Full PDB file with SEQRES, HELIX, SHEET, SSBOND, CRYST1, ORIGX, SCALE, CONECT and MASTER records, all heavy atoms in Angstrom:
SEQRES   1 A   41  HIS LEU GLY GLY GLU ALA VAL VAL HIS GLU LYS SER VAL          
SEQRES   2 A   41  ILE ALA VAL PHE ASP MET ASP ASN THR THR ILE SER ARG          
SEQRES   3 A   41  GLN SER ARG HIS PHE LEU ASN GLU THR GLN ARG ARG GLY          
SEQRES   4 A   41  GLU VAL                                                      
HELIX    1 AA1 GLU A   10  SER A   12  5                                   3    
HELIX    2 AA2 MET A   19  THR A   22  1                                   4    
HELIX    3 AA3 ARG A   26  ARG A   37  1                                  12    
CRYST1    1.000    1.000    1.000  90.00  90.00  90.00 P 1           1          
ORIGX1      1.000000  0.000000  0.000000        0.00000                         
ORIGX2      0.000000  1.000000  0.000000        0.00000                         
ORIGX3      0.000000  0.000000  1.000000        0.00000                         
SCALE1      1.000000  0.000000  0.000000        0.00000                         
SCALE2      0.000000  1.000000  0.000000        0.00000                         
SCALE3      0.000000  0.000000  1.000000        0.00000                         
ATOM      1  N   HIS A   1       4.844 -31.242  -2.530  1.00  0.00           N  
ATOM      2  CA  HIS A   1       5.483 -30.951  -1.217  1.00  0.00           C  
ATOM      3  C   HIS A   1       6.426 -29.823  -1.365  1.00  0.00           C  
ATOM      4  O   HIS A   1       7.540 -29.812  -2.140  1.00  0.00           O  
ATOM      5  CB  HIS A   1       6.209 -32.206  -0.597  1.00  0.00           C  
ATOM      6  CG  HIS A   1       6.910 -31.870   0.703  1.00  0.00           C  
ATOM      7  ND1 HIS A   1       8.264 -31.755   0.701  1.00  0.00           N  
ATOM      8  CD2 HIS A   1       6.330 -31.590   1.822  1.00  0.00           C  
ATOM      9  CE1 HIS A   1       8.438 -31.527   1.980  1.00  0.00           C  
ATOM     10  NE2 HIS A   1       7.410 -31.477   2.738  1.00  0.00           N  
ATOM     11  N   LEU A   2       6.174 -28.824  -0.556  1.00  0.00           N  
ATOM     12  CA  LEU A   2       6.970 -27.443  -0.654  1.00  0.00           C  
ATOM     13  C   LEU A   2       7.962 -27.313   0.371  1.00  0.00           C  
ATOM     14  O   LEU A   2       8.798 -26.311   0.225  1.00  0.00           O  
ATOM     15  CB  LEU A   2       6.109 -26.230  -0.668  1.00  0.00           C  
ATOM     16  CG  LEU A   2       4.947 -26.130  -1.719  1.00  0.00           C  
ATOM     17  CD1 LEU A   2       4.041 -25.000  -1.399  1.00  0.00           C  
ATOM     18  CD2 LEU A   2       5.466 -26.322  -3.015  1.00  0.00           C  
ATOM     19  N   GLY A   3       8.052 -28.181   1.313  1.00  0.00           N  
ATOM     20  CA  GLY A   3       8.975 -28.223   2.386  1.00  0.00           C  
ATOM     21  C   GLY A   3       8.227 -28.061   3.743  1.00  0.00           C  
ATOM     22  O   GLY A   3       7.071 -27.643   3.805  1.00  0.00           O  
ATOM     23  N   GLY A   4       8.942 -28.507   4.868  1.00  0.00           N  
ATOM     24  CA  GLY A   4       8.195 -28.538   6.057  1.00  0.00           C  
ATOM     25  C   GLY A   4       6.994 -29.326   5.976  1.00  0.00           C  
ATOM     26  O   GLY A   4       7.082 -30.473   5.527  1.00  0.00           O  
ATOM     27  N   GLU A   5       5.865 -28.855   6.519  1.00  0.00           N  
ATOM     28  CA  GLU A   5       4.636 -29.540   6.399  1.00  0.00           C  
ATOM     29  C   GLU A   5       3.663 -29.000   5.297  1.00  0.00           C  
ATOM     30  O   GLU A   5       2.493 -29.346   5.291  1.00  0.00           O  
ATOM     31  CB  GLU A   5       3.984 -29.474   7.766  1.00  0.00           C  
ATOM     32  CG  GLU A   5       4.664 -30.332   8.886  1.00  0.00           C  
ATOM     33  CD  GLU A   5       3.975 -30.239  10.126  1.00  0.00           C  
ATOM     34  OE1 GLU A   5       2.797 -29.862  10.303  1.00  0.00           O  
ATOM     35  OE2 GLU A   5       4.677 -30.492  11.259  1.00  0.00           O  
ATOM     36  N   ALA A   6       4.193 -28.178   4.309  1.00  0.00           N  
ATOM     37  CA  ALA A   6       3.465 -27.522   3.397  1.00  0.00           C  
ATOM     38  C   ALA A   6       3.319 -28.431   2.211  1.00  0.00           C  
ATOM     39  O   ALA A   6       4.314 -28.882   1.515  1.00  0.00           O  
ATOM     40  CB  ALA A   6       4.072 -26.238   3.042  1.00  0.00           C  
ATOM     41  N   VAL A   7       2.085 -28.687   1.854  1.00  0.00           N  
ATOM     42  CA  VAL A   7       1.738 -29.426   0.587  1.00  0.00           C  
ATOM     43  C   VAL A   7       0.557 -28.665  -0.030  1.00  0.00           C  
ATOM     44  O   VAL A   7      -0.436 -28.279   0.636  1.00  0.00           O  
ATOM     45  CB  VAL A   7       1.196 -30.837   1.009  1.00  0.00           C  
ATOM     46  CG1 VAL A   7       0.842 -31.609  -0.330  1.00  0.00           C  
ATOM     47  CG2 VAL A   7       2.419 -31.561   1.847  1.00  0.00           C  
ATOM     48  N   VAL A   8       0.673 -28.583  -1.351  1.00  0.00           N  
ATOM     49  CA  VAL A   8      -0.450 -27.798  -2.106  1.00  0.00           C  
ATOM     50  C   VAL A   8      -0.849 -28.725  -3.269  1.00  0.00           C  
ATOM     51  O   VAL A   8      -0.051 -29.518  -3.791  1.00  0.00           O  
ATOM     52  CB  VAL A   8       0.058 -26.540  -2.588  1.00  0.00           C  
ATOM     53  CG1 VAL A   8       0.340 -25.608  -1.507  1.00  0.00           C  
ATOM     54  CG2 VAL A   8       1.086 -26.609  -3.537  1.00  0.00           C  
ATOM     55  N   HIS A   9      -2.046 -28.572  -3.777  1.00  0.00           N  
ATOM     56  CA  HIS A   9      -2.504 -29.248  -4.916  1.00  0.00           C  
ATOM     57  C   HIS A   9      -1.834 -28.657  -6.131  1.00  0.00           C  
ATOM     58  O   HIS A   9      -1.671 -27.424  -6.284  1.00  0.00           O  
ATOM     59  CB  HIS A   9      -4.039 -29.041  -4.994  1.00  0.00           C  
ATOM     60  CG  HIS A   9      -4.615 -30.017  -5.959  1.00  0.00           C  
ATOM     61  ND1 HIS A   9      -4.613 -29.872  -7.277  1.00  0.00           N  
ATOM     62  CD2 HIS A   9      -5.302 -31.251  -5.675  1.00  0.00           C  
ATOM     63  CE1 HIS A   9      -5.166 -30.924  -7.883  1.00  0.00           C  
ATOM     64  NE2 HIS A   9      -5.619 -31.708  -6.985  1.00  0.00           N  
ATOM     65  N   GLU A  10      -1.297 -29.549  -6.970  1.00  0.00           N  
ATOM     66  CA  GLU A  10      -0.557 -29.086  -8.146  1.00  0.00           C  
ATOM     67  C   GLU A  10      -1.403 -28.064  -8.967  1.00  0.00           C  
ATOM     68  O   GLU A  10      -0.673 -27.230  -9.659  1.00  0.00           O  
ATOM     69  CB  GLU A  10      -0.048 -30.186  -8.923  1.00  0.00           C  
ATOM     70  CG  GLU A  10       1.177 -30.926  -8.308  1.00  0.00           C  
ATOM     71  CD  GLU A  10       1.724 -32.024  -9.177  1.00  0.00           C  
ATOM     72  OE1 GLU A  10       1.166 -32.393 -10.161  1.00  0.00           O  
ATOM     73  OE2 GLU A  10       2.942 -32.457  -8.810  1.00  0.00           O  
ATOM     74  N   LYS A  11      -2.605 -28.312  -9.076  1.00  0.00           N  
ATOM     75  CA  LYS A  11      -3.422 -27.511 -10.042  1.00  0.00           C  
ATOM     76  C   LYS A  11      -3.562 -25.984  -9.446  1.00  0.00           C  
ATOM     77  O   LYS A  11      -3.990 -25.062 -10.177  1.00  0.00           O  
ATOM     78  CB  LYS A  11      -4.822 -28.005 -10.103  1.00  0.00           C  
ATOM     79  CG  LYS A  11      -4.851 -29.363 -10.985  1.00  0.00           C  
ATOM     80  CD  LYS A  11      -6.244 -29.855 -11.264  1.00  0.00           C  
ATOM     81  CE  LYS A  11      -6.097 -31.105 -12.102  1.00  0.00           C  
ATOM     82  NZ  LYS A  11      -7.502 -31.600 -12.431  1.00  0.00           N  
ATOM     83  N   SER A  12      -3.201 -25.816  -8.176  1.00  0.00           N  
ATOM     84  CA  SER A  12      -3.380 -24.521  -7.560  1.00  0.00           C  
ATOM     85  C   SER A  12      -2.037 -23.612  -7.845  1.00  0.00           C  
ATOM     86  O   SER A  12      -2.097 -22.405  -7.661  1.00  0.00           O  
ATOM     87  CB  SER A  12      -3.715 -24.546  -6.103  1.00  0.00           C  
ATOM     88  OG  SER A  12      -2.518 -24.962  -5.415  1.00  0.00           O  
ATOM     89  N   VAL A  13      -0.952 -24.328  -8.378  1.00  0.00           N  
ATOM     90  CA  VAL A  13       0.292 -23.760  -8.568  1.00  0.00           C  
ATOM     91  C   VAL A  13       0.232 -22.783  -9.839  1.00  0.00           C  
ATOM     92  O   VAL A  13      -0.027 -23.376 -10.860  1.00  0.00           O  
ATOM     93  CB  VAL A  13       1.387 -24.598  -8.627  1.00  0.00           C  
ATOM     94  CG1 VAL A  13       2.808 -23.975  -8.894  1.00  0.00           C  
ATOM     95  CG2 VAL A  13       1.573 -25.451  -7.313  1.00  0.00           C  
ATOM     96  N   ILE A  14       0.531 -21.586  -9.608  1.00  0.00           N  
ATOM     97  CA  ILE A  14       0.463 -20.609 -10.734  1.00  0.00           C  
ATOM     98  C   ILE A  14       1.981 -20.572 -11.298  1.00  0.00           C  
ATOM     99  O   ILE A  14       2.167 -20.602 -12.521  1.00  0.00           O  
ATOM    100  CB  ILE A  14      -0.030 -19.207 -10.287  1.00  0.00           C  
ATOM    101  CG1 ILE A  14      -1.444 -19.312 -10.029  1.00  0.00           C  
ATOM    102  CG2 ILE A  14       0.322 -18.219 -11.587  1.00  0.00           C  
ATOM    103  CD1 ILE A  14      -1.980 -18.015  -9.430  1.00  0.00           C  
ATOM    104  N   ALA A  15       2.864 -20.389 -10.474  1.00  0.00           N  
ATOM    105  CA  ALA A  15       4.301 -20.249 -10.877  1.00  0.00           C  
ATOM    106  C   ALA A  15       5.285 -20.528  -9.695  1.00  0.00           C  
ATOM    107  O   ALA A  15       4.841 -20.451  -8.535  1.00  0.00           O  
ATOM    108  CB  ALA A  15       4.557 -18.823 -11.315  1.00  0.00           C  
ATOM    109  N   VAL A  16       6.436 -21.092 -10.110  1.00  0.00           N  
ATOM    110  CA  VAL A  16       7.520 -21.284  -9.156  1.00  0.00           C  
ATOM    111  C   VAL A  16       8.710 -20.494  -9.585  1.00  0.00           C  
ATOM    112  O   VAL A  16       9.039 -20.554 -10.738  1.00  0.00           O  
ATOM    113  CB  VAL A  16       7.932 -22.715  -9.183  1.00  0.00           C  
ATOM    114  CG1 VAL A  16       8.956 -22.970  -8.106  1.00  0.00           C  
ATOM    115  CG2 VAL A  16       6.770 -23.686  -8.784  1.00  0.00           C  
ATOM    116  N   PHE A  17       9.242 -19.681  -8.682  1.00  0.00           N  
ATOM    117  CA  PHE A  17      10.310 -18.767  -8.979  1.00  0.00           C  
ATOM    118  C   PHE A  17      11.534 -18.985  -8.058  1.00  0.00           C  
ATOM    119  O   PHE A  17      11.411 -19.304  -6.991  1.00  0.00           O  
ATOM    120  CB  PHE A  17       9.832 -17.291  -8.720  1.00  0.00           C  
ATOM    121  CG  PHE A  17       8.723 -16.798  -9.543  1.00  0.00           C  
ATOM    122  CD1 PHE A  17       7.465 -16.808  -8.937  1.00  0.00           C  
ATOM    123  CD2 PHE A  17       9.035 -16.293 -10.822  1.00  0.00           C  
ATOM    124  CE1 PHE A  17       6.464 -16.372  -9.802  1.00  0.00           C  
ATOM    125  CE2 PHE A  17       7.898 -15.860 -11.523  1.00  0.00           C  
ATOM    126  CZ  PHE A  17       6.622 -15.866 -11.081  1.00  0.00           C  
ATOM    127  N   ASP A  18      12.801 -18.850  -8.696  1.00  0.00           N  
ATOM    128  CA  ASP A  18      13.978 -18.894  -8.023  1.00  0.00           C  
ATOM    129  C   ASP A  18      14.221 -17.603  -7.286  1.00  0.00           C  
ATOM    130  O   ASP A  18      14.171 -16.598  -7.926  1.00  0.00           O  
ATOM    131  CB  ASP A  18      15.128 -19.158  -9.049  1.00  0.00           C  
ATOM    132  CG  ASP A  18      16.368 -19.268  -8.380  1.00  0.00           C  
ATOM    133  OD1 ASP A  18      16.810 -20.264  -7.794  1.00  0.00           O  
ATOM    134  OD2 ASP A  18      17.190 -18.205  -8.411  1.00  0.00           O  
ATOM    135  N   MET A  19      14.526 -17.731  -6.016  1.00  0.00           N  
ATOM    136  CA  MET A  19      14.654 -16.455  -5.120  1.00  0.00           C  
ATOM    137  C   MET A  19      15.751 -15.576  -5.458  1.00  0.00           C  
ATOM    138  O   MET A  19      15.546 -14.419  -5.668  1.00  0.00           O  
ATOM    139  CB  MET A  19      14.810 -16.955  -3.743  1.00  0.00           C  
ATOM    140  CG  MET A  19      14.683 -15.841  -2.688  1.00  0.00           C  
ATOM    141  SD  MET A  19      13.196 -15.166  -2.569  1.00  0.00           S  
ATOM    142  CE  MET A  19      12.273 -16.314  -1.528  1.00  0.00           C  
ATOM    143  N   ASP A  20      16.938 -16.200  -5.919  1.00  0.00           N  
ATOM    144  CA  ASP A  20      18.051 -15.373  -6.148  1.00  0.00           C  
ATOM    145  C   ASP A  20      17.952 -14.682  -7.520  1.00  0.00           C  
ATOM    146  O   ASP A  20      18.268 -13.507  -7.656  1.00  0.00           O  
ATOM    147  CB  ASP A  20      19.272 -16.196  -6.354  1.00  0.00           C  
ATOM    148  CG  ASP A  20      19.847 -16.722  -4.831  1.00  0.00           C  
ATOM    149  OD1 ASP A  20      19.503 -15.991  -3.910  1.00  0.00           O  
ATOM    150  OD2 ASP A  20      20.467 -17.626  -4.899  1.00  0.00           O  
ATOM    151  N   ASN A  21      17.360 -15.273  -8.560  1.00  0.00           N  
ATOM    152  CA  ASN A  21      17.222 -14.789  -9.934  1.00  0.00           C  
ATOM    153  C   ASN A  21      16.121 -13.825  -9.992  1.00  0.00           C  
ATOM    154  O   ASN A  21      16.031 -12.881 -10.782  1.00  0.00           O  
ATOM    155  CB  ASN A  21      17.125 -15.809 -10.938  1.00  0.00           C  
ATOM    156  CG  ASN A  21      18.378 -16.565 -11.164  1.00  0.00           C  
ATOM    157  OD1 ASN A  21      19.429 -16.241 -10.954  1.00  0.00           O  
ATOM    158  ND2 ASN A  21      18.176 -17.858 -11.435  1.00  0.00           N  
ATOM    159  N   THR A  22      15.052 -13.915  -9.341  1.00  0.00           N  
ATOM    160  CA  THR A  22      13.884 -13.007  -9.484  1.00  0.00           C  
ATOM    161  C   THR A  22      13.811 -11.855  -8.458  1.00  0.00           C  
ATOM    162  O   THR A  22      13.194 -10.811  -8.854  1.00  0.00           O  
ATOM    163  CB  THR A  22      12.640 -13.797  -9.419  1.00  0.00           C  
ATOM    164  OG1 THR A  22      12.524 -14.462  -8.030  1.00  0.00           O  
ATOM    165  CG2 THR A  22      12.420 -14.903 -10.472  1.00  0.00           C  
ATOM    166  N   THR A  23      14.478 -11.946  -7.261  1.00  0.00           N  
ATOM    167  CA  THR A  23      14.317 -10.844  -6.472  1.00  0.00           C  
ATOM    168  C   THR A  23      15.283  -9.754  -6.692  1.00  0.00           C  
ATOM    169  O   THR A  23      15.225  -8.674  -6.083  1.00  0.00           O  
ATOM    170  CB  THR A  23      14.527 -11.227  -4.893  1.00  0.00           C  
ATOM    171  OG1 THR A  23      15.793 -11.889  -4.859  1.00  0.00           O  
ATOM    172  CG2 THR A  23      13.457 -12.141  -4.484  1.00  0.00           C  
ATOM    173  N   ILE A  24      15.988  -9.759  -7.760  1.00  0.00           N  
ATOM    174  CA  ILE A  24      16.744  -8.725  -8.375  1.00  0.00           C  
ATOM    175  C   ILE A  24      15.840  -7.678  -8.882  1.00  0.00           C  
ATOM    176  O   ILE A  24      16.132  -6.482  -8.804  1.00  0.00           O  
ATOM    177  CB  ILE A  24      17.706  -9.213  -9.461  1.00  0.00           C  
ATOM    178  CG1 ILE A  24      18.783 -10.225  -8.911  1.00  0.00           C  
ATOM    179  CG2 ILE A  24      18.454  -8.020 -10.104  1.00  0.00           C  
ATOM    180  CD1 ILE A  24      19.574 -10.967  -9.897  1.00  0.00           C  
ATOM    181  N   SER A  25      14.768  -8.083  -9.523  1.00  0.00           N  
ATOM    182  CA  SER A  25      13.873  -7.265 -10.230  1.00  0.00           C  
ATOM    183  C   SER A  25      13.074  -6.508  -9.188  1.00  0.00           C  
ATOM    184  O   SER A  25      12.538  -6.904  -8.184  1.00  0.00           O  
ATOM    185  CB  SER A  25      12.922  -8.084 -10.954  1.00  0.00           C  
ATOM    186  OG  SER A  25      11.687  -7.362 -11.305  1.00  0.00           O  
ATOM    187  N   ARG A  26      12.676  -5.057  -9.425  1.00  0.00           N  
ATOM    188  CA  ARG A  26      12.084  -4.300  -8.575  1.00  0.00           C  
ATOM    189  C   ARG A  26      10.596  -4.835  -8.497  1.00  0.00           C  
ATOM    190  O   ARG A  26       9.921  -4.697  -7.439  1.00  0.00           O  
ATOM    191  CB  ARG A  26      12.093  -2.818  -9.073  1.00  0.00           C  
ATOM    192  CG  ARG A  26      11.377  -1.839  -8.253  1.00  0.00           C  
ATOM    193  CD  ARG A  26      11.557  -0.470  -8.712  1.00  0.00           C  
ATOM    194  NE  ARG A  26      11.872  -0.384 -10.135  1.00  0.00           N  
ATOM    195  CZ  ARG A  26      11.998   0.573 -10.841  1.00  0.00           C  
ATOM    196  NH1 ARG A  26      11.874   1.869 -10.219  1.00  0.00           N  
ATOM    197  NH2 ARG A  26      12.347   0.583 -12.124  1.00  0.00           N  
ATOM    198  N   GLN A  27      10.087  -5.163  -9.611  1.00  0.00           N  
ATOM    199  CA  GLN A  27       8.736  -5.734  -9.687  1.00  0.00           C  
ATOM    200  C   GLN A  27       8.366  -6.840  -8.753  1.00  0.00           C  
ATOM    201  O   GLN A  27       7.504  -7.005  -8.067  1.00  0.00           O  
ATOM    202  CB  GLN A  27       8.273  -5.947 -11.097  1.00  0.00           C  
ATOM    203  CG  GLN A  27       8.109  -4.704 -11.997  1.00  0.00           C  
ATOM    204  CD  GLN A  27       9.405  -4.477 -12.671  1.00  0.00           C  
ATOM    205  OE1 GLN A  27      10.446  -5.017 -12.558  1.00  0.00           O  
ATOM    206  NE2 GLN A  27       9.377  -3.497 -13.502  1.00  0.00           N  
ATOM    207  N   SER A  28       9.425  -7.785  -8.735  1.00  0.00           N  
ATOM    208  CA  SER A  28       9.342  -8.995  -7.910  1.00  0.00           C  
ATOM    209  C   SER A  28       9.446  -8.654  -6.474  1.00  0.00           C  
ATOM    210  O   SER A  28       8.666  -9.182  -5.620  1.00  0.00           O  
ATOM    211  CB  SER A  28      10.492 -10.012  -8.391  1.00  0.00           C  
ATOM    212  OG  SER A  28      10.246 -10.439  -9.623  1.00  0.00           O  
ATOM    213  N   ARG A  29      10.332  -7.738  -6.116  1.00  0.00           N  
ATOM    214  CA  ARG A  29      10.429  -7.367  -4.727  1.00  0.00           C  
ATOM    215  C   ARG A  29       9.042  -6.557  -4.330  1.00  0.00           C  
ATOM    216  O   ARG A  29       8.633  -6.881  -3.196  1.00  0.00           O  
ATOM    217  CB  ARG A  29      11.562  -6.308  -4.578  1.00  0.00           C  
ATOM    218  CG  ARG A  29      12.881  -7.093  -4.559  1.00  0.00           C  
ATOM    219  CD  ARG A  29      14.124  -6.252  -4.054  1.00  0.00           C  
ATOM    220  NE  ARG A  29      14.105  -4.973  -4.726  1.00  0.00           N  
ATOM    221  CZ  ARG A  29      14.726  -4.561  -5.747  1.00  0.00           C  
ATOM    222  NH1 ARG A  29      15.390  -5.447  -6.414  1.00  0.00           N  
ATOM    223  NH2 ARG A  29      14.750  -3.412  -6.192  1.00  0.00           N  
ATOM    224  N   HIS A  30       8.536  -5.741  -5.176  1.00  0.00           N  
ATOM    225  CA  HIS A  30       7.330  -5.099  -4.882  1.00  0.00           C  
ATOM    226  C   HIS A  30       6.166  -6.139  -4.618  1.00  0.00           C  
ATOM    227  O   HIS A  30       5.267  -6.090  -3.737  1.00  0.00           O  
ATOM    228  CB  HIS A  30       6.933  -4.138  -5.940  1.00  0.00           C  
ATOM    229  CG  HIS A  30       5.601  -3.479  -5.897  1.00  0.00           C  
ATOM    230  ND1 HIS A  30       5.351  -2.431  -4.899  1.00  0.00           N  
ATOM    231  CD2 HIS A  30       4.340  -3.625  -6.454  1.00  0.00           C  
ATOM    232  CE1 HIS A  30       4.241  -2.119  -4.854  1.00  0.00           C  
ATOM    233  NE2 HIS A  30       3.527  -2.763  -5.846  1.00  0.00           N  
ATOM    234  N   PHE A  31       6.112  -7.109  -5.647  1.00  0.00           N  
ATOM    235  CA  PHE A  31       5.056  -8.287  -5.520  1.00  0.00           C  
ATOM    236  C   PHE A  31       5.206  -8.922  -4.154  1.00  0.00           C  
ATOM    237  O   PHE A  31       4.228  -9.223  -3.484  1.00  0.00           O  
ATOM    238  CB  PHE A  31       5.289  -9.282  -6.665  1.00  0.00           C  
ATOM    239  CG  PHE A  31       4.357 -10.481  -6.473  1.00  0.00           C  
ATOM    240  CD1 PHE A  31       2.991 -10.401  -6.748  1.00  0.00           C  
ATOM    241  CD2 PHE A  31       4.931 -11.635  -6.083  1.00  0.00           C  
ATOM    242  CE1 PHE A  31       2.140 -11.563  -6.579  1.00  0.00           C  
ATOM    243  CE2 PHE A  31       4.191 -12.829  -5.907  1.00  0.00           C  
ATOM    244  CZ  PHE A  31       2.892 -12.705  -6.221  1.00  0.00           C  
ATOM    245  N   LEU A  32       6.455  -9.334  -3.770  1.00  0.00           N  
ATOM    246  CA  LEU A  32       6.578 -10.074  -2.538  1.00  0.00           C  
ATOM    247  C   LEU A  32       6.259  -9.138  -1.319  1.00  0.00           C  
ATOM    248  O   LEU A  32       5.606  -9.645  -0.417  1.00  0.00           O  
ATOM    249  CB  LEU A  32       7.997 -10.408  -2.322  1.00  0.00           C  
ATOM    250  CG  LEU A  32       8.353 -11.780  -3.341  1.00  0.00           C  
ATOM    251  CD1 LEU A  32       9.803 -12.045  -3.271  1.00  0.00           C  
ATOM    252  CD2 LEU A  32       7.585 -12.996  -2.901  1.00  0.00           C  
ATOM    253  N   ASN A  33       6.695  -7.920  -1.353  1.00  0.00           N  
ATOM    254  CA  ASN A  33       6.297  -7.072  -0.238  1.00  0.00           C  
ATOM    255  C   ASN A  33       4.778  -6.778  -0.069  1.00  0.00           C  
ATOM    256  O   ASN A  33       4.282  -6.859   0.944  1.00  0.00           O  
ATOM    257  CB  ASN A  33       6.977  -5.567  -0.430  1.00  0.00           C  
ATOM    258  CG  ASN A  33       8.475  -5.721  -0.218  1.00  0.00           C  
ATOM    259  OD1 ASN A  33       8.998  -6.543   0.535  1.00  0.00           O  
ATOM    260  ND2 ASN A  33       9.221  -4.824  -0.801  1.00  0.00           N  
ATOM    261  N   GLU A  34       4.242  -6.629  -1.151  1.00  0.00           N  
ATOM    262  CA  GLU A  34       2.689  -6.451  -1.321  1.00  0.00           C  
ATOM    263  C   GLU A  34       1.899  -7.620  -0.738  1.00  0.00           C  
ATOM    264  O   GLU A  34       0.993  -7.546   0.204  1.00  0.00           O  
ATOM    265  CB  GLU A  34       2.183  -5.922  -2.577  1.00  0.00           C  
ATOM    266  CG  GLU A  34       2.430  -4.636  -2.917  1.00  0.00           C  
ATOM    267  CD  GLU A  34       1.695  -3.602  -1.890  1.00  0.00           C  
ATOM    268  OE1 GLU A  34       0.577  -3.708  -1.667  1.00  0.00           O  
ATOM    269  OE2 GLU A  34       2.567  -2.813  -1.312  1.00  0.00           O  
ATOM    270  N   THR A  35       2.289  -8.841  -1.196  1.00  0.00           N  
ATOM    271  CA  THR A  35       1.635 -10.162  -0.687  1.00  0.00           C  
ATOM    272  C   THR A  35       1.946 -10.223   0.838  1.00  0.00           C  
ATOM    273  O   THR A  35       1.017 -10.692   1.483  1.00  0.00           O  
ATOM    274  CB  THR A  35       1.971 -11.297  -1.543  1.00  0.00           C  
ATOM    275  OG1 THR A  35       3.553 -11.410  -1.440  1.00  0.00           O  
ATOM    276  CG2 THR A  35       1.506 -11.243  -2.942  1.00  0.00           C  
ATOM    277  N   GLN A  36       3.124  -9.929   1.228  1.00  0.00           N  
ATOM    278  CA  GLN A  36       3.444 -10.077   2.660  1.00  0.00           C  
ATOM    279  C   GLN A  36       2.573  -9.082   3.482  1.00  0.00           C  
ATOM    280  O   GLN A  36       1.983  -9.470   4.516  1.00  0.00           O  
ATOM    281  CB  GLN A  36       4.878  -9.938   2.861  1.00  0.00           C  
ATOM    282  CG  GLN A  36       5.369 -10.110   4.311  1.00  0.00           C  
ATOM    283  CD  GLN A  36       6.892 -10.239   4.452  1.00  0.00           C  
ATOM    284  OE1 GLN A  36       7.629  -9.725   3.718  1.00  0.00           O  
ATOM    285  NE2 GLN A  36       7.288 -10.930   5.524  1.00  0.00           N  
ATOM    286  N   ARG A  37       2.420  -7.965   2.995  1.00  0.00           N  
ATOM    287  CA  ARG A  37       1.700  -6.847   3.603  1.00  0.00           C  
ATOM    288  C   ARG A  37       0.181  -7.402   3.736  1.00  0.00           C  
ATOM    289  O   ARG A  37      -0.399  -7.094   4.857  1.00  0.00           O  
ATOM    290  CB  ARG A  37       1.691  -5.531   2.963  1.00  0.00           C  
ATOM    291  CG  ARG A  37       0.924  -4.417   3.606  1.00  0.00           C  
ATOM    292  CD  ARG A  37       1.015  -3.153   2.711  1.00  0.00           C  
ATOM    293  NE  ARG A  37       0.281  -3.304   1.417  1.00  0.00           N  
ATOM    294  CZ  ARG A  37      -0.979  -3.283   1.393  1.00  0.00           C  
ATOM    295  NH1 ARG A  37      -1.842  -3.159   2.443  1.00  0.00           N  
ATOM    296  NH2 ARG A  37      -1.541  -3.447   0.131  1.00  0.00           N  
ATOM    297  N   ARG A  38      -0.367  -8.103   2.745  1.00  0.00           N  
ATOM    298  CA  ARG A  38      -1.690  -8.507   2.882  1.00  0.00           C  
ATOM    299  C   ARG A  38      -1.894  -9.875   3.524  1.00  0.00           C  
ATOM    300  O   ARG A  38      -2.936 -10.277   3.676  1.00  0.00           O  
ATOM    301  CB  ARG A  38      -2.188  -8.634   1.449  1.00  0.00           C  
ATOM    302  CG  ARG A  38      -2.404  -7.321   0.572  1.00  0.00           C  
ATOM    303  CD  ARG A  38      -3.181  -7.561  -0.717  1.00  0.00           C  
ATOM    304  NE  ARG A  38      -2.488  -8.524  -1.580  1.00  0.00           N  
ATOM    305  CZ  ARG A  38      -1.772  -8.140  -2.631  1.00  0.00           C  
ATOM    306  NH1 ARG A  38      -1.420  -6.973  -2.971  1.00  0.00           N  
ATOM    307  NH2 ARG A  38      -1.195  -9.310  -3.357  1.00  0.00           N  
ATOM    308  N   GLY A  39      -0.749 -10.335   4.145  1.00  0.00           N  
ATOM    309  CA  GLY A  39      -0.901 -11.603   4.878  1.00  0.00           C  
ATOM    310  C   GLY A  39      -0.986 -12.833   4.001  1.00  0.00           C  
ATOM    311  O   GLY A  39      -1.455 -13.830   4.487  1.00  0.00           O  
ATOM    312  N   GLU A  40      -0.500 -12.748   2.749  1.00  0.00           N  
ATOM    313  CA  GLU A  40      -0.678 -13.846   1.840  1.00  0.00           C  
ATOM    314  C   GLU A  40       0.639 -14.748   1.637  1.00  0.00           C  
ATOM    315  O   GLU A  40       0.721 -15.676   0.877  1.00  0.00           O  
ATOM    316  CB  GLU A  40      -1.055 -13.376   0.482  1.00  0.00           C  
ATOM    317  CG  GLU A  40      -2.445 -12.711   0.481  1.00  0.00           C  
ATOM    318  CD  GLU A  40      -2.600 -11.943  -0.904  1.00  0.00           C  
ATOM    319  OE1 GLU A  40      -1.738 -11.832  -1.745  1.00  0.00           O  
ATOM    320  OE2 GLU A  40      -3.823 -11.580  -1.125  1.00  0.00           O  
ATOM    321  N   VAL A  41       1.571 -14.396   2.567  1.00  0.00           N  
ATOM    322  CA  VAL A  41       2.904 -15.130   2.448  1.00  0.00           C  
ATOM    323  C   VAL A  41       2.956 -16.226   3.598  1.00  0.00           C  
ATOM    324  O   VAL A  41       2.627 -15.893   4.718  1.00  0.00           O  
ATOM    325  CB  VAL A  41       4.142 -14.146   2.503  1.00  0.00           C  
ATOM    326  CG1 VAL A  41       5.421 -14.934   2.589  1.00  0.00           C  
ATOM    327  CG2 VAL A  41       4.148 -13.263   1.351  1.00  0.00           C  
TER     328      VAL A  41                                                      
MASTER        0    0    0    3    0    0    0    6  327    1    0    4          
END                                                                             
């Protein structure tokens, strides 16, 4: 259970990241921006 009504199969989880610690990185911000642009968020 990820929050709200979102539930995913555990085998589909690749990684879990802490928002505060990882969004400092330019690569992480780029990854999030690109996935959002593609409608994957």
